[in-house]
Amino acid sequence: MKNLLPRAAMAVVSILLATSLLATSAPAQQPDPRIGRDPSKPAEVRLPNGKLQQDEILKADHEKSVKDAAQLIELSENLKKELEKDDSHVLSISSLKKTEEIEKIAKRIRARLKH
């Protein structure tokens, strides 16, 4: 009986040591971020700087829209000056091209706003 107790203690100690070594050497499992989420909503993707990707996309789209709106104003003012300068019976090709460019920019802005 005396020999049995130290052997059992050694077995318990070796089992505890083995499990603690396995626990520290195994990589910690990260919880799955998709669990508990609404599957219809896309996952929030973060950029390396920590900001949300969606926020950065929206910010860039807004800046593009502001820049396009400034270009739209400039083209509209140029078209107005050109139309005032021309005769009512004259249709210049440059005026027509400016109206097409204005329409294209307006559609681009509208598409960004709808998105």
PDB file of N, CA and C in Angstrom:
ATOM      1  N   MET A   1       0.804  -1.175   0.000  1.00  0.00           N
ATOM      2  CA  MET A   1       0.000   0.000   0.000  1.00  0.00           C
ATOM      3  C   MET A   1       0.858   1.253   0.000  1.00  0.00           C
ATOM      4  N   LYS A   2       2.007   1.181   0.702  1.00  0.00           N
ATOM      5  CA  LYS A   2       2.881   2.333   0.750  1.00  0.00           C
ATOM      6  C   LYS A   2       3.405   2.679  -0.633  1.00  0.00           C
ATOM      7  N   ASN A   3       3.706   1.717  -1.470  1.00  0.00           N
ATOM      8  CA  ASN A   3       4.227   1.964  -2.813  1.00  0.00           C
ATOM      9  C   ASN A   3       3.142   2.445  -3.768  1.00  0.00           C
ATOM     10  N   LEU A   4       1.919   2.116  -3.506  1.00  0.00           N
ATOM     11  CA  LEU A   4       0.817   2.487  -4.382  1.00  0.00           C
ATOM     12  C   LEU A   4       0.513   3.985  -4.326  1.00  0.00           C
ATOM     13  N   LEU A   5       0.601   4.583  -3.164  1.00  0.00           N
ATOM     14  CA  LEU A   5       0.287   5.997  -3.008  1.00  0.00           C
ATOM     15  C   LEU A   5       1.260   6.894  -3.775  1.00  0.00           C
ATOM     16  N   PRO A   6       2.568   6.695  -3.687  1.00  0.00           N
ATOM     17  CA  PRO A   6       3.468   7.555  -4.467  1.00  0.00           C
ATOM     18  C   PRO A   6       3.306   7.349  -5.972  1.00  0.00           C
ATOM     19  N   ARG A   7       3.007   6.134  -6.398  1.00  0.00           N
ATOM     20  CA  ARG A   7       2.805   5.895  -7.832  1.00  0.00           C
ATOM     21  C   ARG A   7       1.550   6.619  -8.325  1.00  0.00           C
ATOM     22  N   ALA A   8       0.485   6.576  -7.556  1.00  0.00           N
ATOM     23  CA  ALA A   8      -0.752   7.261  -7.936  1.00  0.00           C
ATOM     24  C   ALA A   8      -0.530   8.770  -7.960  1.00  0.00           C
ATOM     25  N   ALA A   9       0.202   9.274  -6.996  1.00  0.00           N
ATOM     26  CA  ALA A   9       0.494  10.711  -6.954  1.00  0.00           C
ATOM     27  C   ALA A   9       1.331  11.111  -8.160  1.00  0.00           C
ATOM     28  N   MET A  10       2.299  10.289  -8.526  1.00  0.00           N
ATOM     29  CA  MET A  10       3.138  10.570  -9.705  1.00  0.00           C
ATOM     30  C   MET A  10       2.302  10.533 -10.975  1.00  0.00           C
ATOM     31  N   ALA A  11       1.356   9.597 -11.053  1.00  0.00           N
ATOM     32  CA  ALA A  11       0.499   9.499 -12.233  1.00  0.00           C
ATOM     33  C   ALA A  11      -0.382  10.738 -12.351  1.00  0.00           C
ATOM     34  N   VAL A  12      -0.950  11.178 -11.237  1.00  0.00           N
ATOM     35  CA  VAL A  12      -1.801  12.375 -11.250  1.00  0.00           C
ATOM     36  C   VAL A  12      -0.981  13.597 -11.637  1.00  0.00           C
ATOM     37  N   VAL A  13       0.216  13.731 -11.072  1.00  0.00           N
ATOM     38  CA  VAL A  13       1.081  14.875 -11.384  1.00  0.00           C
ATOM     39  C   VAL A  13       1.471  14.856 -12.855  1.00  0.00           C
ATOM     40  N   SER A  14       1.810  13.701 -13.390  1.00  0.00           N
ATOM     41  CA  SER A  14       2.212  13.628 -14.800  1.00  0.00           C
ATOM     42  C   SER A  14       1.033  13.921 -15.727  1.00  0.00           C
ATOM     43  N   ILE A  15      -0.175  13.488 -15.360  1.00  0.00           N
ATOM     44  CA  ILE A  15      -1.359  13.794 -16.173  1.00  0.00           C
ATOM     45  C   ILE A  15      -1.631  15.296 -16.154  1.00  0.00           C
ATOM     46  N   LEU A  16      -1.555  15.904 -14.974  1.00  0.00           N
ATOM     47  CA  LEU A  16      -1.773  17.349 -14.864  1.00  0.00           C
ATOM     48  C   LEU A  16      -0.724  18.128 -15.656  1.00  0.00           C
ATOM     49  N   LEU A  17       0.518  17.673 -15.576  1.00  0.00           N
ATOM     50  CA  LEU A  17       1.591  18.335 -16.310  1.00  0.00           C
ATOM     51  C   LEU A  17       1.383  18.205 -17.817  1.00  0.00           C
ATOM     52  N   ALA A  18       0.991  17.032 -18.267  1.00  0.00           N
ATOM     53  CA  ALA A  18       0.770  16.814 -19.701  1.00  0.00           C
ATOM     54  C   ALA A  18      -0.388  17.666 -20.219  1.00  0.00           C
ATOM     55  N   THR A  19      -1.475  17.730 -19.467  1.00  0.00           N
ATOM     56  CA  THR A  19      -2.617  18.535 -19.928  1.00  0.00           C
ATOM     57  C   THR A  19      -2.303  20.025 -19.903  1.00  0.00           C
ATOM     58  N   SER A  20      -1.522  20.460 -18.923  1.00  0.00           N
ATOM     59  CA  SER A  20      -1.177  21.886 -18.895  1.00  0.00           C
ATOM     60  C   SER A  20      -0.234  22.238 -20.038  1.00  0.00           C
ATOM     61  N   LEU A  21       0.663  21.326 -20.402  1.00  0.00           N
ATOM     62  CA  LEU A  21       1.548  21.565 -21.544  1.00  0.00           C
ATOM     63  C   LEU A  21       0.758  21.602 -22.845  1.00  0.00           C
ATOM     64  N   LEU A  22      -0.195  20.711 -22.989  1.00  0.00           N
ATOM     65  CA  LEU A  22      -1.029  20.707 -24.190  1.00  0.00           C
ATOM     66  C   LEU A  22      -1.875  21.971 -24.277  1.00  0.00           C
ATOM     67  N   ALA A  23      -2.372  22.422 -23.159  1.00  0.00           N
ATOM     68  CA  ALA A  23      -3.223  23.615 -23.158  1.00  0.00           C
ATOM     69  C   ALA A  23      -2.429  24.859 -23.541  1.00  0.00           C
ATOM     70  N   THR A  24      -1.177  24.948 -23.116  1.00  0.00           N
ATOM     71  CA  THR A  24      -0.377  26.132 -23.440  1.00  0.00           C
ATOM     72  C   THR A  24       0.193  26.064 -24.841  1.00  0.00           C
ATOM     73  N   SER A  25       0.431  24.870 -25.362  1.00  0.00           N
ATOM     74  CA  SER A  25       1.013  24.767 -26.699  1.00  0.00           C
ATOM     75  C   SER A  25      -0.029  24.863 -27.801  1.00  0.00           C
ATOM     76  N   ALA A  26      -1.280  24.519 -27.518  1.00  0.00           N
ATOM     77  CA  ALA A  26      -2.336  24.591 -28.531  1.00  0.00           C
ATOM     78  C   ALA A  26      -2.761  26.049 -28.699  1.00  0.00           C
ATOM     79  N   PRO A  27      -2.963  26.482 -29.944  1.00  0.00           N
ATOM     80  CA  PRO A  27      -3.392  27.864 -30.142  1.00  0.00           C
ATOM     81  C   PRO A  27      -4.797  28.074 -29.590  1.00  0.00           C
ATOM     82  N   ALA A  28      -4.998  29.236 -29.027  1.00  0.00           N
ATOM     83  CA  ALA A  28      -6.311  29.551 -28.469  1.00  0.00           C
ATOM     84  C   ALA A  28      -7.311  29.726 -29.599  1.00  0.00           C
ATOM     85  N   GLN A  29      -8.465  29.157 -29.432  1.00  0.00           N
ATOM     86  CA  GLN A  29      -9.486  29.277 -30.466  1.00  0.00           C
ATOM     87  C   GLN A  29     -10.207  30.602 -30.310  1.00  0.00           C
ATOM     88  N   GLN A  30     -10.303  31.305 -31.416  1.00  0.00           N
ATOM     89  CA  GLN A  30     -11.056  32.550 -31.439  1.00  0.00           C
ATOM     90  C   GLN A  30     -12.521  32.214 -31.650  1.00  0.00           C
ATOM     91  N   PRO A  31     -13.390  32.911 -30.979  1.00  0.00           N
ATOM     92  CA  PRO A  31     -14.810  32.643 -31.231  1.00  0.00           C
ATOM     93  C   PRO A  31     -15.172  33.044 -32.653  1.00  0.00           C
ATOM     94  N   ASP A  32     -16.013  32.268 -33.259  1.00  0.00           N
ATOM     95  CA  ASP A  32     -16.429  32.542 -34.630  1.00  0.00           C
ATOM     96  C   ASP A  32     -17.289  33.800 -34.633  1.00  0.00           C
ATOM     97  N   PRO A  33     -16.846  34.871 -35.333  1.00  0.00           N
ATOM     98  CA  PRO A  33     -17.609  36.118 -35.307  1.00  0.00           C
ATOM     99  C   PRO A  33     -18.955  36.001 -36.001  1.00  0.00           C
ATOM    100  N   ARG A  34     -19.145  34.953 -36.800  1.00  0.00           N
ATOM    101  CA  ARG A  34     -20.410  34.795 -37.516  1.00  0.00           C
ATOM    102  C   ARG A  34     -21.509  34.220 -36.628  1.00  0.00           C
ATOM    103  N   ILE A  35     -21.117  33.598 -35.504  1.00  0.00           N
ATOM    104  CA  ILE A  35     -22.105  32.992 -34.617  1.00  0.00           C
ATOM    105  C   ILE A  35     -22.851  34.105 -33.887  1.00  0.00           C
ATOM    106  N   GLY A  36     -24.157  34.002 -33.861  1.00  0.00           N
ATOM    107  CA  GLY A  36     -24.967  34.988 -33.167  1.00  0.00           C
ATOM    108  C   GLY A  36     -25.252  36.226 -33.997  1.00  0.00           C
ATOM    109  N   ARG A  37     -24.903  36.205 -35.268  1.00  0.00           N
ATOM    110  CA  ARG A  37     -25.140  37.336 -36.157  1.00  0.00           C
ATOM    111  C   ARG A  37     -26.303  37.042 -37.072  1.00  0.00           C
ATOM    112  N   ASP A  38     -26.834  38.098 -37.583  1.00  0.00           N
ATOM    113  CA  ASP A  38     -27.890  37.976 -38.581  1.00  0.00           C
ATOM    114  C   ASP A  38     -27.221  37.614 -39.907  1.00  0.00           C
ATOM    115  N   PRO A  39     -27.526  36.457 -40.489  1.00  0.00           N
ATOM    116  CA  PRO A  39     -26.845  36.044 -41.724  1.00  0.00           C
ATOM    117  C   PRO A  39     -27.168  36.936 -42.919  1.00  0.00           C
ATOM    118  N   SER A  40     -28.246  37.696 -42.838  1.00  0.00           N
ATOM    119  CA  SER A  40     -28.580  38.566 -43.967  1.00  0.00           C
ATOM    120  C   SER A  40     -27.709  39.817 -43.990  1.00  0.00           C
ATOM    121  N   LYS A  41     -27.088  40.157 -42.851  1.00  0.00           N
ATOM    122  CA  LYS A  41     -26.216  41.335 -42.796  1.00  0.00           C
ATOM    123  C   LYS A  41     -24.780  40.915 -43.104  1.00  0.00           C
ATOM    124  N   PRO A  42     -24.059  41.699 -43.901  1.00  0.00           N
ATOM    125  CA  PRO A  42     -22.670  41.353 -44.190  1.00  0.00           C
ATOM    126  C   PRO A  42     -21.784  41.580 -42.961  1.00  0.00           C
ATOM    127  N   ALA A  43     -20.688  40.847 -42.913  1.00  0.00           N
ATOM    128  CA  ALA A  43     -19.754  40.983 -41.802  1.00  0.00           C
ATOM    129  C   ALA A  43     -19.064  42.339 -41.877  1.00  0.00           C
ATOM    130  N   GLU A  44     -18.770  42.911 -40.721  1.00  0.00           N
ATOM    131  CA  GLU A  44     -18.078  44.190 -40.677  1.00  0.00           C
ATOM    132  C   GLU A  44     -16.595  43.941 -40.910  1.00  0.00           C
ATOM    133  N   VAL A  45     -16.099  44.437 -42.028  1.00  0.00           N
ATOM    134  CA  VAL A  45     -14.698  44.251 -42.373  1.00  0.00           C
ATOM    135  C   VAL A  45     -13.930  45.472 -41.893  1.00  0.00           C
ATOM    136  N   ARG A  46     -12.867  45.235 -41.181  1.00  0.00           N
ATOM    137  CA  ARG A  46     -12.037  46.333 -40.679  1.00  0.00           C
ATOM    138  C   ARG A  46     -10.758  46.413 -41.499  1.00  0.00           C
ATOM    139  N   LEU A  47     -10.314  47.630 -41.724  1.00  0.00           N
ATOM    140  CA  LEU A  47      -9.070  47.881 -42.435  1.00  0.00           C
ATOM    141  C   LEU A  47      -7.913  47.772 -41.454  1.00  0.00           C
ATOM    142  N   PRO A  48      -6.672  47.694 -41.947  1.00  0.00           N
ATOM    143  CA  PRO A  48      -5.528  47.595 -41.033  1.00  0.00           C
ATOM    144  C   PRO A  48      -5.429  48.761 -40.043  1.00  0.00           C
ATOM    145  N   ASN A  49      -5.960  49.929 -40.411  1.00  0.00           N
ATOM    146  CA  ASN A  49      -5.908  51.065 -39.491  1.00  0.00           C
ATOM    147  C   ASN A  49      -7.030  51.021 -38.455  1.00  0.00           C
ATOM    148  N   GLY A  50      -7.884  49.991 -38.496  1.00  0.00           N
ATOM    149  CA  GLY A  50      -8.932  49.806 -37.504  1.00  0.00           C
ATOM    150  C   GLY A  50     -10.279  50.383 -37.883  1.00  0.00           C
ATOM    151  N   LYS A  51     -10.336  51.136 -38.966  1.00  0.00           N
ATOM    152  CA  LYS A  51     -11.602  51.740 -39.381  1.00  0.00           C
ATOM    153  C   LYS A  51     -12.422  50.720 -40.165  1.00  0.00           C
ATOM    154  N   LEU A  52     -13.727  50.921 -40.149  1.00  0.00           N
ATOM    155  CA  LEU A  52     -14.606  50.037 -40.911  1.00  0.00           C
ATOM    156  C   LEU A  52     -14.454  50.311 -42.399  1.00  0.00           C
ATOM    157  N   GLN A  53     -14.380  49.245 -43.178  1.00  0.00           N
ATOM    158  CA  GLN A  53     -14.223  49.379 -44.621  1.00  0.00           C
ATOM    159  C   GLN A  53     -15.425  50.099 -45.225  1.00  0.00           C
ATOM    160  N   GLN A  54     -16.616  49.779 -44.759  1.00  0.00           N
ATOM    161  CA  GLN A  54     -17.833  50.394 -45.290  1.00  0.00           C
ATOM    162  C   GLN A  54     -17.827  51.904 -45.049  1.00  0.00           C
ATOM    163  N   ASP A  55     -17.355  52.335 -43.872  1.00  0.00           N
ATOM    164  CA  ASP A  55     -17.286  53.772 -43.586  1.00  0.00           C
ATOM    165  C   ASP A  55     -16.321  54.477 -44.525  1.00  0.00           C
ATOM    166  N   GLU A  56     -15.195  53.840 -44.798  1.00  0.00           N
ATOM    167  CA  GLU A  56     -14.208  54.441 -45.693  1.00  0.00           C
ATOM    168  C   GLU A  56     -14.730  54.514 -47.126  1.00  0.00           C
ATOM    169  N   ILE A  57     -15.471  53.501 -47.555  1.00  0.00           N
ATOM    170  CA  ILE A  57     -16.059  53.509 -48.902  1.00  0.00           C
ATOM    171  C   ILE A  57     -17.074  54.636 -49.012  1.00  0.00           C
ATOM    172  N   LEU A  58     -17.921  54.781 -47.984  1.00  0.00           N
ATOM    173  CA  LEU A  58     -18.918  55.855 -47.994  1.00  0.00           C
ATOM    174  C   LEU A  58     -18.257  57.228 -48.005  1.00  0.00           C
ATOM    175  N   LYS A  59     -17.181  57.370 -47.251  1.00  0.00           N
ATOM    176  CA  LYS A  59     -16.460  58.645 -47.202  1.00  0.00           C
ATOM    177  C   LYS A  59     -15.851  58.968 -48.565  1.00  0.00           C
ATOM    178  N   ALA A  60     -15.247  57.974 -49.209  1.00  0.00           N
ATOM    179  CA  ALA A  60     -14.650  58.187 -50.533  1.00  0.00           C
ATOM    180  C   ALA A  60     -15.720  58.513 -51.567  1.00  0.00           C
ATOM    181  N   ASP A  61     -16.867  57.826 -51.503  1.00  0.00           N
ATOM    182  CA  ASP A  61     -17.965  58.118 -52.428  1.00  0.00           C
ATOM    183  C   ASP A  61     -18.481  59.536 -52.235  1.00  0.00           C
ATOM    184  N   HIS A  62     -18.569  59.974 -50.992  1.00  0.00           N
ATOM    185  CA  HIS A  62     -19.037  61.337 -50.712  1.00  0.00           C
ATOM    186  C   HIS A  62     -18.065  62.358 -51.296  1.00  0.00           C
ATOM    187  N   GLU A  63     -16.770  62.129 -51.106  1.00  0.00           N
ATOM    188  CA  GLU A  63     -15.770  63.056 -51.650  1.00  0.00           C
ATOM    189  C   GLU A  63     -15.845  63.105 -53.176  1.00  0.00           C
ATOM    190  N   LYS A  64     -16.043  61.948 -53.818  1.00  0.00           N
ATOM    191  CA  LYS A  64     -16.178  61.919 -55.276  1.00  0.00           C
ATOM    192  C   LYS A  64     -17.424  62.673 -55.718  1.00  0.00           C
ATOM    193  N   SER A  65     -18.510  62.514 -54.977  1.00  0.00           N
ATOM    194  CA  SER A  65     -19.756  63.197 -55.333  1.00  0.00           C
ATOM    195  C   SER A  65     -19.610  64.708 -55.195  1.00  0.00           C
ATOM    196  N   VAL A  66     -18.926  65.157 -54.153  1.00  0.00           N
ATOM    197  CA  VAL A  66     -18.701  66.599 -53.974  1.00  0.00           C
ATOM    198  C   VAL A  66     -17.845  67.140 -55.111  1.00  0.00           C
ATOM    199  N   LYS A  67     -16.820  66.387 -55.486  1.00  0.00           N
ATOM    200  CA  LYS A  67     -15.949  66.810 -56.584  1.00  0.00           C
ATOM    201  C   LYS A  67     -16.721  66.841 -57.905  1.00  0.00           C
ATOM    202  N   ASP A  68     -17.542  65.824 -58.137  1.00  0.00           N
ATOM    203  CA  ASP A  68     -18.358  65.792 -59.356  1.00  0.00           C
ATOM    204  C   ASP A  68     -19.380  66.928 -59.368  1.00  0.00           C
ATOM    205  N   ALA A  69     -19.933  67.267 -58.205  1.00  0.00           N
ATOM    206  CA  ALA A  69     -20.909  68.361 -58.133  1.00  0.00           C
ATOM    207  C   ALA A  69     -20.244  69.692 -58.477  1.00  0.00           C
ATOM    208  N   ALA A  70     -19.013  69.880 -58.032  1.00  0.00           N
ATOM    209  CA  ALA A  70     -18.287  71.105 -58.381  1.00  0.00           C
ATOM    210  C   ALA A  70     -18.043  71.162 -59.887  1.00  0.00           C
ATOM    211  N   GLN A  71     -17.689  70.028 -60.472  1.00  0.00           N
ATOM    212  CA  GLN A  71     -17.486  69.966 -61.921  1.00  0.00           C
ATOM    213  C   GLN A  71     -18.807  70.212 -62.649  1.00  0.00           C
ATOM    214  N   LEU A  72     -19.884  69.714 -62.098  1.00  0.00           N
ATOM    215  CA  LEU A  72     -21.214  69.910 -62.675  1.00  0.00           C
ATOM    216  C   LEU A  72     -21.594  71.393 -62.676  1.00  0.00           C
ATOM    217  N   ILE A  73     -21.302  72.075 -61.597  1.00  0.00           N
ATOM    218  CA  ILE A  73     -21.588  73.514 -61.515  1.00  0.00           C
ATOM    219  C   ILE A  73     -20.771  74.281 -62.543  1.00  0.00           C
ATOM    220  N   GLU A  74     -19.494  73.936 -62.649  1.00  0.00           N
ATOM    221  CA  GLU A  74     -18.618  74.622 -63.610  1.00  0.00           C
ATOM    222  C   GLU A  74     -19.113  74.421 -65.042  1.00  0.00           C
ATOM    223  N   LEU A  75     -19.451  73.188 -65.388  1.00  0.00           N
ATOM    224  CA  LEU A  75     -19.956  72.913 -66.736  1.00  0.00           C
ATOM    225  C   LEU A  75     -21.282  73.631 -66.994  1.00  0.00           C
ATOM    226  N   SER A  76     -22.140  73.668 -65.997  1.00  0.00           N
ATOM    227  CA  SER A  76     -23.437  74.339 -66.156  1.00  0.00           C
ATOM    228  C   SER A  76     -23.260  75.836 -66.372  1.00  0.00           C
ATOM    229  N   GLU A  77     -22.349  76.441 -65.631  1.00  0.00           N
ATOM    230  CA  GLU A  77     -22.097  77.875 -65.807  1.00  0.00           C
ATOM    231  C   GLU A  77     -21.515  78.162 -67.188  1.00  0.00           C
ATOM    232  N   ASN A  78     -20.599  77.314 -67.633  1.00  0.00           N
ATOM    233  CA  ASN A  78     -20.023  77.485 -68.976  1.00  0.00           C
ATOM    234  C   ASN A  78     -21.097  77.323 -70.049  1.00  0.00           C
ATOM    235  N   LEU A  79     -21.974  76.356 -69.869  1.00  0.00           N
ATOM    236  CA  LEU A  79     -23.058  76.141 -70.825  1.00  0.00           C
ATOM    237  C   LEU A  79     -23.997  77.347 -70.855  1.00  0.00           C
ATOM    238  N   LYS A  80     -24.301  77.887 -69.690  1.00  0.00           N
ATOM    239  CA  LYS A  80     -25.183  79.053 -69.619  1.00  0.00           C
ATOM    240  C   LYS A  80     -24.572  80.239 -70.361  1.00  0.00           C
ATOM    241  N   LYS A  81     -23.277  80.494 -70.140  1.00  0.00           N
ATOM    242  CA  LYS A  81     -22.594  81.601 -70.830  1.00  0.00           C
ATOM    243  C   LYS A  81     -22.607  81.385 -72.336  1.00  0.00           C
ATOM    244  N   GLU A  82     -22.362  80.144 -72.724  1.00  0.00           N
ATOM    245  CA  GLU A  82     -22.329  79.824 -74.151  1.00  0.00           C
ATOM    246  C   GLU A  82     -23.708  80.002 -74.790  1.00  0.00           C
ATOM    247  N   LEU A  83     -24.745  79.575 -74.100  1.00  0.00           N
ATOM    248  CA  LEU A  83     -26.104  79.718 -74.633  1.00  0.00           C
ATOM    249  C   LEU A  83     -26.525  81.190 -74.698  1.00  0.00           C
ATOM    250  N   GLU A  84     -26.119  81.979 -73.724  1.00  0.00           N
ATOM    251  CA  GLU A  84     -26.437  83.407 -73.749  1.00  0.00           C
ATOM    252  C   GLU A  84     -25.713  84.116 -74.883  1.00  0.00           C
ATOM    253  N   LYS A  85     -24.524  83.666 -75.183  1.00  0.00           N
ATOM    254  CA  LYS A  85     -23.713  84.279 -76.227  1.00  0.00           C
ATOM    255  C   LYS A  85     -24.241  83.927 -77.621  1.00  0.00           C
ATOM    256  N   ASP A  86     -24.698  82.692 -77.794  1.00  0.00           N
ATOM    257  CA  ASP A  86     -25.155  82.239 -79.113  1.00  0.00           C
ATOM    258  C   ASP A  86     -26.526  82.815 -79.456  1.00  0.00           C
ATOM    259  N   ASP A  87     -26.807  82.765 -80.727  1.00  0.00           N
ATOM    260  CA  ASP A  87     -28.111  83.196 -81.238  1.00  0.00           C
ATOM    261  C   ASP A  87     -29.148  82.113 -80.931  1.00  0.00           C
ATOM    262  N   SER A  88     -30.414  82.485 -80.891  1.00  0.00           N
ATOM    263  CA  SER A  88     -31.462  81.516 -80.576  1.00  0.00           C
ATOM    264  C   SER A  88     -31.661  80.488 -81.687  1.00  0.00           C
ATOM    265  N   HIS A  89     -31.152  80.764 -82.874  1.00  0.00           N
ATOM    266  CA  HIS A  89     -31.300  79.838 -83.998  1.00  0.00           C
ATOM    267  C   HIS A  89     -30.048  78.983 -84.215  1.00  0.00           C
ATOM    268  N   VAL A  90     -29.083  79.119 -83.331  1.00  0.00           N
ATOM    269  CA  VAL A  90     -27.813  78.399 -83.491  1.00  0.00           C
ATOM    270  C   VAL A  90     -27.674  77.372 -82.366  1.00  0.00           C
ATOM    271  N   LEU A  91     -27.316  76.169 -82.775  1.00  0.00           N
ATOM    272  CA  LEU A  91     -27.033  75.111 -81.805  1.00  0.00           C
ATOM    273  C   LEU A  91     -25.578  74.695 -81.999  1.00  0.00           C
ATOM    274  N   SER A  92     -24.740  75.038 -81.037  1.00  0.00           N
ATOM    275  CA  SER A  92     -23.329  74.682 -81.185  1.00  0.00           C
ATOM    276  C   SER A  92     -23.097  73.255 -80.695  1.00  0.00           C
ATOM    277  N   ILE A  93     -22.149  72.617 -81.336  1.00  0.00           N
ATOM    278  CA  ILE A  93     -21.821  71.231 -80.972  1.00  0.00           C
ATOM    279  C   ILE A  93     -21.193  71.187 -79.581  1.00  0.00           C
ATOM    280  N   SER A  94     -20.432  72.210 -79.234  1.00  0.00           N
ATOM    281  CA  SER A  94     -19.820  72.219 -77.899  1.00  0.00           C
ATOM    282  C   SER A  94     -20.888  72.310 -76.809  1.00  0.00           C
ATOM    283  N   SER A  95     -21.970  73.045 -77.073  1.00  0.00           N
ATOM    284  CA  SER A  95     -23.074  73.111 -76.096  1.00  0.00           C
ATOM    285  C   SER A  95     -23.723  71.742 -75.939  1.00  0.00           C
ATOM    286  N   LEU A  96     -23.905  71.070 -77.046  1.00  0.00           N
ATOM    287  CA  LEU A  96     -24.499  69.736 -77.004  1.00  0.00           C
ATOM    288  C   LEU A  96     -23.607  68.761 -76.233  1.00  0.00           C
ATOM    289  N   LYS A  97     -22.284  68.844 -76.461  1.00  0.00           N
ATOM    290  CA  LYS A  97     -21.346  67.972 -75.740  1.00  0.00           C
ATOM    291  C   LYS A  97     -21.351  68.284 -74.247  1.00  0.00           C
ATOM    292  N   LYS A  98     -21.484  69.578 -73.909  1.00  0.00           N
ATOM    293  CA  LYS A  98     -21.518  69.944 -72.493  1.00  0.00           C
ATOM    294  C   LYS A  98     -22.771  69.392 -71.822  1.00  0.00           C
ATOM    295  N   THR A  99     -23.897  69.429 -72.523  1.00  0.00           N
ATOM    296  CA  THR A  99     -25.121  68.871 -71.930  1.00  0.00           C
ATOM    297  C   THR A  99     -24.990  67.367 -71.716  1.00  0.00           C
ATOM    298  N   GLU A 100     -24.335  66.684 -72.643  1.00  0.00           N
ATOM    299  CA  GLU A 100     -24.120  65.241 -72.480  1.00  0.00           C
ATOM    300  C   GLU A 100     -23.189  64.959 -71.301  1.00  0.00           C
ATOM    301  N   GLU A 101     -22.158  65.782 -71.152  1.00  0.00           N
ATOM    302  CA  GLU A 101     -21.225  65.610 -70.036  1.00  0.00           C
ATOM    303  C   GLU A 101     -21.927  65.903 -68.704  1.00  0.00           C
ATOM    304  N   ILE A 102     -22.770  66.930 -68.692  1.00  0.00           N
ATOM    305  CA  ILE A 102     -23.537  67.250 -67.480  1.00  0.00           C
ATOM    306  C   ILE A 102     -24.435  66.075 -67.103  1.00  0.00           C
ATOM    307  N   GLU A 103     -25.090  65.506 -68.090  1.00  0.00           N
ATOM    308  CA  GLU A 103     -25.974  64.364 -67.842  1.00  0.00           C
ATOM    309  C   GLU A 103     -25.193  63.162 -67.304  1.00  0.00           C
ATOM    310  N   LYS A 104     -24.024  62.921 -67.870  1.00  0.00           N
ATOM    311  CA  LYS A 104     -23.203  61.787 -67.436  1.00  0.00           C
ATOM    312  C   LYS A 104     -22.754  61.964 -65.979  1.00  0.00           C
ATOM    313  N   ILE A 105     -22.332  63.181 -65.634  1.00  0.00           N
ATOM    314  CA  ILE A 105     -21.889  63.437 -64.258  1.00  0.00           C
ATOM    315  C   ILE A 105     -23.062  63.319 -63.288  1.00  0.00           C
ATOM    316  N   ALA A 106     -24.216  63.851 -63.689  1.00  0.00           N
ATOM    317  CA  ALA A 106     -25.401  63.769 -62.824  1.00  0.00           C
ATOM    318  C   ALA A 106     -25.807  62.314 -62.583  1.00  0.00           C
ATOM    319  N   LYS A 107     -25.732  61.482 -63.604  1.00  0.00           N
ATOM    320  CA  LYS A 107     -26.061  60.062 -63.444  1.00  0.00           C
ATOM    321  C   LYS A 107     -25.064  59.368 -62.516  1.00  0.00           C
ATOM    322  N   ARG A 108     -23.797  59.757 -62.621  1.00  0.00           N
ATOM    323  CA  ARG A 108     -22.765  59.177 -61.763  1.00  0.00           C
ATOM    324  C   ARG A 108     -23.040  59.527 -60.298  1.00  0.00           C
ATOM    325  N   ILE A 109     -23.395  60.782 -60.050  1.00  0.00           N
ATOM    326  CA  ILE A 109     -23.707  61.204 -58.681  1.00  0.00           C
ATOM    327  C   ILE A 109     -24.945  60.460 -58.177  1.00  0.00           C
ATOM    328  N   ARG A 110     -25.967  60.370 -59.012  1.00  0.00           N
ATOM    329  CA  ARG A 110     -27.205  59.684 -58.621  1.00  0.00           C
ATOM    330  C   ARG A 110     -26.933  58.218 -58.287  1.00  0.00           C
ATOM    331  N   ALA A 111     -26.100  57.569 -59.082  1.00  0.00           N
ATOM    332  CA  ALA A 111     -25.783  56.155 -58.832  1.00  0.00           C
ATOM    333  C   ALA A 111     -25.084  55.984 -57.486  1.00  0.00           C
ATOM    334  N   ARG A 112     -24.174  56.904 -57.155  1.00  0.00           N
ATOM    335  CA  ARG A 112     -23.488  56.819 -55.866  1.00  0.00           C
ATOM    336  C   ARG A 112     -24.454  57.043 -54.712  1.00  0.00           C
ATOM    337  N   LEU A 113     -25.377  57.969 -54.889  1.00  0.00           N
ATOM    338  CA  LEU A 113     -26.334  58.263 -53.819  1.00  0.00           C
ATOM    339  C   LEU A 113     -27.302  57.107 -53.596  1.00  0.00           C
ATOM    340  N   LYS A 114     -27.680  56.420 -54.658  1.00  0.00           N
ATOM    341  CA  LYS A 114     -28.591  55.281 -54.530  1.00  0.00           C
ATOM    342  C   LYS A 114     -27.901  54.083 -53.913  1.00  0.00           C
ATOM    343  N   HIS A 115     -26.628  53.961 -54.125  1.00  0.00           N
ATOM    344  CA  HIS A 115     -25.859  52.806 -53.653  1.00  0.00           C
ATOM    345  C   HIS A 115     -25.729  52.874 -52.197  1.00  0.00           C
TER     346      HIS A 115
END
